[in-house]
Amino acid sequence: MILAEGYMDVIALHRAGFDTAVAPLGTAFTEEQMEELWRLAPEPVLCLDGDAAGQKAMMRAALRALPQLKAGRSLRFATLPEGLDPDDLLGRPGGPARLREALTARARWSKRCGTG
């Protein structure tokens, strides 16, 4: 399950074969939406825009998800190149492969928190 920021990202992801993409339609991501993602997949991937707002939204989502983590639940974060969203990245040469790499990479938590 891939969570993107907006509907254009979801459309682009589906067109590129990533057919489990959904979006909350903005950077506000609620506990209820997180619960629904975990109902659908034990380890959803947040793939928000590679801009400052997207990075802040991922941090907020991580902090919101921490109290909800338990056995059988995890959360991953796909880091996109600076300034690109999934739609932009998929439209570039080699974009689908680069996105697949971002979706499967395991970034250290300290890197996500800006301490590594």
C-alpha atoms as a PDB file:
ATOM      1  CA  MET A   1       0.000   0.000   0.000  1.00  0.00           C
ATOM      2  CA  ILE A   2       1.441   3.360  -1.047  1.00  0.00           C
ATOM      3  CA  LEU A   3       0.216   6.635   0.403  1.00  0.00           C
ATOM      4  CA  ALA A   4       0.858   9.641  -1.862  1.00  0.00           C
ATOM      5  CA  GLU A   5      -0.130  13.281  -1.329  1.00  0.00           C
ATOM      6  CA  GLY A   6      -2.615  13.962  -4.078  1.00  0.00           C
ATOM      7  CA  TYR A   7      -4.862  12.454  -6.696  1.00  0.00           C
ATOM      8  CA  MET A   8      -2.518  13.252  -9.622  1.00  0.00           C
ATOM      9  CA  ASP A   9       0.211  11.251  -7.886  1.00  0.00           C
ATOM     10  CA  VAL A  10      -2.200   8.344  -7.388  1.00  0.00           C
ATOM     11  CA  ILE A  11      -3.239   8.436 -11.054  1.00  0.00           C
ATOM     12  CA  ALA A  12       0.413   8.476 -12.172  1.00  0.00           C
ATOM     13  CA  LEU A  13       1.282   5.643  -9.786  1.00  0.00           C
ATOM     14  CA  HIS A  14      -1.608   3.512 -11.050  1.00  0.00           C
ATOM     15  CA  ARG A  15      -0.665   4.182 -14.690  1.00  0.00           C
ATOM     16  CA  ALA A  16       2.892   3.054 -13.906  1.00  0.00           C
ATOM     17  CA  GLY A  17       1.650  -0.203 -12.362  1.00  0.00           C
ATOM     18  CA  PHE A  18       1.706   0.761  -8.684  1.00  0.00           C
ATOM     19  CA  ASP A  19      -1.939  -0.146  -8.240  1.00  0.00           C
ATOM     20  CA  THR A  20      -2.100   0.020  -4.442  1.00  0.00           C
ATOM     21  CA  ALA A  21      -1.637   3.801  -4.263  1.00  0.00           C
ATOM     22  CA  VAL A  22      -4.076   5.980  -2.334  1.00  0.00           C
ATOM     23  CA  ALA A  23      -4.041   9.586  -1.102  1.00  0.00           C
ATOM     24  CA  PRO A  24      -5.522  11.566   1.783  1.00  0.00           C
ATOM     25  CA  LEU A  25      -5.688  14.536  -0.652  1.00  0.00           C
ATOM     26  CA  GLY A  26      -3.288  16.812   1.160  1.00  0.00           C
ATOM     27  CA  THR A  27      -0.592  16.566   3.762  1.00  0.00           C
ATOM     28  CA  ALA A  28      -3.027  16.216   6.695  1.00  0.00           C
ATOM     29  CA  PHE A  29      -3.054  12.515   7.587  1.00  0.00           C
ATOM     30  CA  THR A  30      -5.303  11.363  10.417  1.00  0.00           C
ATOM     31  CA  GLU A  31      -5.070   8.499  12.894  1.00  0.00           C
ATOM     32  CA  GLU A  32      -8.206   7.035  11.336  1.00  0.00           C
ATOM     33  CA  GLN A  33      -6.573   7.026   7.901  1.00  0.00           C
ATOM     34  CA  MET A  34      -3.503   5.334   9.378  1.00  0.00           C
ATOM     35  CA  GLU A  35      -5.716   2.660  10.949  1.00  0.00           C
ATOM     36  CA  GLU A  36      -7.368   2.057   7.569  1.00  0.00           C
ATOM     37  CA  LEU A  37      -3.979   1.733   5.856  1.00  0.00           C
ATOM     38  CA  TRP A  38      -2.881  -0.838   8.429  1.00  0.00           C
ATOM     39  CA  ARG A  39      -6.133  -2.696   7.938  1.00  0.00           C
ATOM     40  CA  LEU A  40      -5.224  -3.003   4.253  1.00  0.00           C
ATOM     41  CA  ALA A  41      -1.476  -3.627   4.624  1.00  0.00           C
ATOM     42  CA  PRO A  42       0.816  -4.286   7.612  1.00  0.00           C
ATOM     43  CA  GLU A  43       3.604  -2.083   6.219  1.00  0.00           C
ATOM     44  CA  PRO A  44       2.321   0.818   4.107  1.00  0.00           C
ATOM     45  CA  VAL A  45       4.806   3.152   2.433  1.00  0.00           C
ATOM     46  CA  LEU A  46       4.438   6.917   2.705  1.00  0.00           C
ATOM     47  CA  CYS A  47       5.579   8.412  -0.583  1.00  0.00           C
ATOM     48  CA  LEU A  48       5.001  12.118  -0.204  1.00  0.00           C
ATOM     49  CA  ASP A  49       6.477  14.923  -2.265  1.00  0.00           C
ATOM     50  CA  GLY A  50      10.217  15.540  -2.151  1.00  0.00           C
ATOM     51  CA  ASP A  51       9.755  19.154  -1.088  1.00  0.00           C
ATOM     52  CA  ALA A  52       9.939  20.690   2.380  1.00  0.00           C
ATOM     53  CA  ALA A  53       6.175  20.382   2.925  1.00  0.00           C
ATOM     54  CA  GLY A  54       6.214  16.694   1.976  1.00  0.00           C
ATOM     55  CA  GLN A  55       9.142  15.993   4.285  1.00  0.00           C
ATOM     56  CA  LYS A  56       7.428  17.798   7.173  1.00  0.00           C
ATOM     57  CA  ALA A  57       4.241  15.855   6.485  1.00  0.00           C
ATOM     58  CA  MET A  58       6.175  12.572   6.648  1.00  0.00           C
ATOM     59  CA  MET A  59       7.632  13.572   9.999  1.00  0.00           C
ATOM     60  CA  ARG A  60       4.164  14.488  11.313  1.00  0.00           C
ATOM     61  CA  ALA A  61       2.812  11.157  10.057  1.00  0.00           C
ATOM     62  CA  ALA A  62       5.659   9.283  11.751  1.00  0.00           C
ATOM     63  CA  LEU A  63       5.048  11.030  15.055  1.00  0.00           C
ATOM     64  CA  ARG A  64       1.314  10.412  14.748  1.00  0.00           C
ATOM     65  CA  ALA A  65       1.885   6.729  13.932  1.00  0.00           C
ATOM     66  CA  LEU A  66       4.353   5.988  16.755  1.00  0.00           C
ATOM     67  CA  PRO A  67       1.705   5.549  19.481  1.00  0.00           C
ATOM     68  CA  GLN A  68      -0.263   3.244  17.165  1.00  0.00           C
ATOM     69  CA  LEU A  69       2.605   0.874  16.350  1.00  0.00           C
ATOM     70  CA  LYS A  70       2.307  -2.653  17.677  1.00  0.00           C
ATOM     71  CA  ALA A  71       3.172  -6.183  16.612  1.00  0.00           C
ATOM     72  CA  GLY A  72       2.271  -6.698  12.970  1.00  0.00           C
ATOM     73  CA  ARG A  73       2.321  -2.997  12.115  1.00  0.00           C
ATOM     74  CA  SER A  74       5.133  -1.083  10.544  1.00  0.00           C
ATOM     75  CA  LEU A  75       5.555   2.000   8.388  1.00  0.00           C
ATOM     76  CA  ARG A  76       8.049   2.845   5.667  1.00  0.00           C
ATOM     77  CA  PHE A  77       8.984   6.138   4.058  1.00  0.00           C
ATOM     78  CA  ALA A  78      10.002   6.611   0.426  1.00  0.00           C
ATOM     79  CA  THR A  79      12.309   9.581  -0.013  1.00  0.00           C
ATOM     80  CA  LEU A  80      11.987  11.212  -3.422  1.00  0.00           C
ATOM     81  CA  PRO A  81      14.523  13.514  -5.065  1.00  0.00           C
ATOM     82  CA  GLU A  82      14.353  17.126  -3.904  1.00  0.00           C
ATOM     83  CA  GLY A  83      11.390  18.980  -5.353  1.00  0.00           C
ATOM     84  CA  LEU A  84       9.822  15.997  -7.129  1.00  0.00           C
ATOM     85  CA  ASP A  85       6.527  14.297  -6.443  1.00  0.00           C
ATOM     86  CA  PRO A  86       5.673  10.783  -7.686  1.00  0.00           C
ATOM     87  CA  ASP A  87       3.938  12.172 -10.795  1.00  0.00           C
ATOM     88  CA  ASP A  88       7.016  14.266 -11.708  1.00  0.00           C
ATOM     89  CA  LEU A  89       9.434  11.410 -11.076  1.00  0.00           C
ATOM     90  CA  LEU A  90       7.413   8.909 -13.105  1.00  0.00           C
ATOM     91  CA  GLY A  91       7.397  11.317 -16.058  1.00  0.00           C
ATOM     92  CA  ARG A  92      11.203  11.356 -16.250  1.00  0.00           C
ATOM     93  CA  PRO A  93      13.432   8.851 -18.043  1.00  0.00           C
ATOM     94  CA  GLY A  94      14.054   5.951 -15.679  1.00  0.00           C
ATOM     95  CA  GLY A  95      11.406   7.322 -13.327  1.00  0.00           C
ATOM     96  CA  PRO A  96       9.555   4.069 -12.624  1.00  0.00           C
ATOM     97  CA  ALA A  97      12.810   2.314 -11.685  1.00  0.00           C
ATOM     98  CA  ARG A  98      13.891   5.218  -9.471  1.00  0.00           C
ATOM     99  CA  LEU A  99      10.498   5.233  -7.771  1.00  0.00           C
ATOM    100  CA  ARG A 100      10.642   1.473  -7.230  1.00  0.00           C
ATOM    101  CA  GLU A 101      14.059   1.957  -5.582  1.00  0.00           C
ATOM    102  CA  ALA A 102      12.665   4.671  -3.307  1.00  0.00           C
ATOM    103  CA  LEU A 103       9.697   2.492  -2.359  1.00  0.00           C
ATOM    104  CA  THR A 104      11.859  -0.484  -1.423  1.00  0.00           C
ATOM    105  CA  ALA A 105      14.781   1.339   0.226  1.00  0.00           C
ATOM    106  CA  ARG A 106      15.136   1.065   3.971  1.00  0.00           C
ATOM    107  CA  ALA A 107      16.242   4.477   5.206  1.00  0.00           C
ATOM    108  CA  ARG A 108      17.654   4.618   8.699  1.00  0.00           C
ATOM    109  CA  TRP A 109      15.267   6.248  11.187  1.00  0.00           C
ATOM    110  CA  SER A 110      17.987   8.709  12.204  1.00  0.00           C
ATOM    111  CA  LYS A 111      18.128   9.911   8.601  1.00  0.00           C
ATOM    112  CA  ARG A 112      14.357  10.470   8.605  1.00  0.00           C
ATOM    113  CA  CYS A 113      14.706  12.468  11.808  1.00  0.00           C
ATOM    114  CA  GLY A 114      17.566  14.540  10.440  1.00  0.00           C
ATOM    115  CA  THR A 115      20.089  13.183  12.944  1.00  0.00           C
ATOM    116  CA  GLY A 116      22.019  10.710  10.779  1.00  0.00           C
END
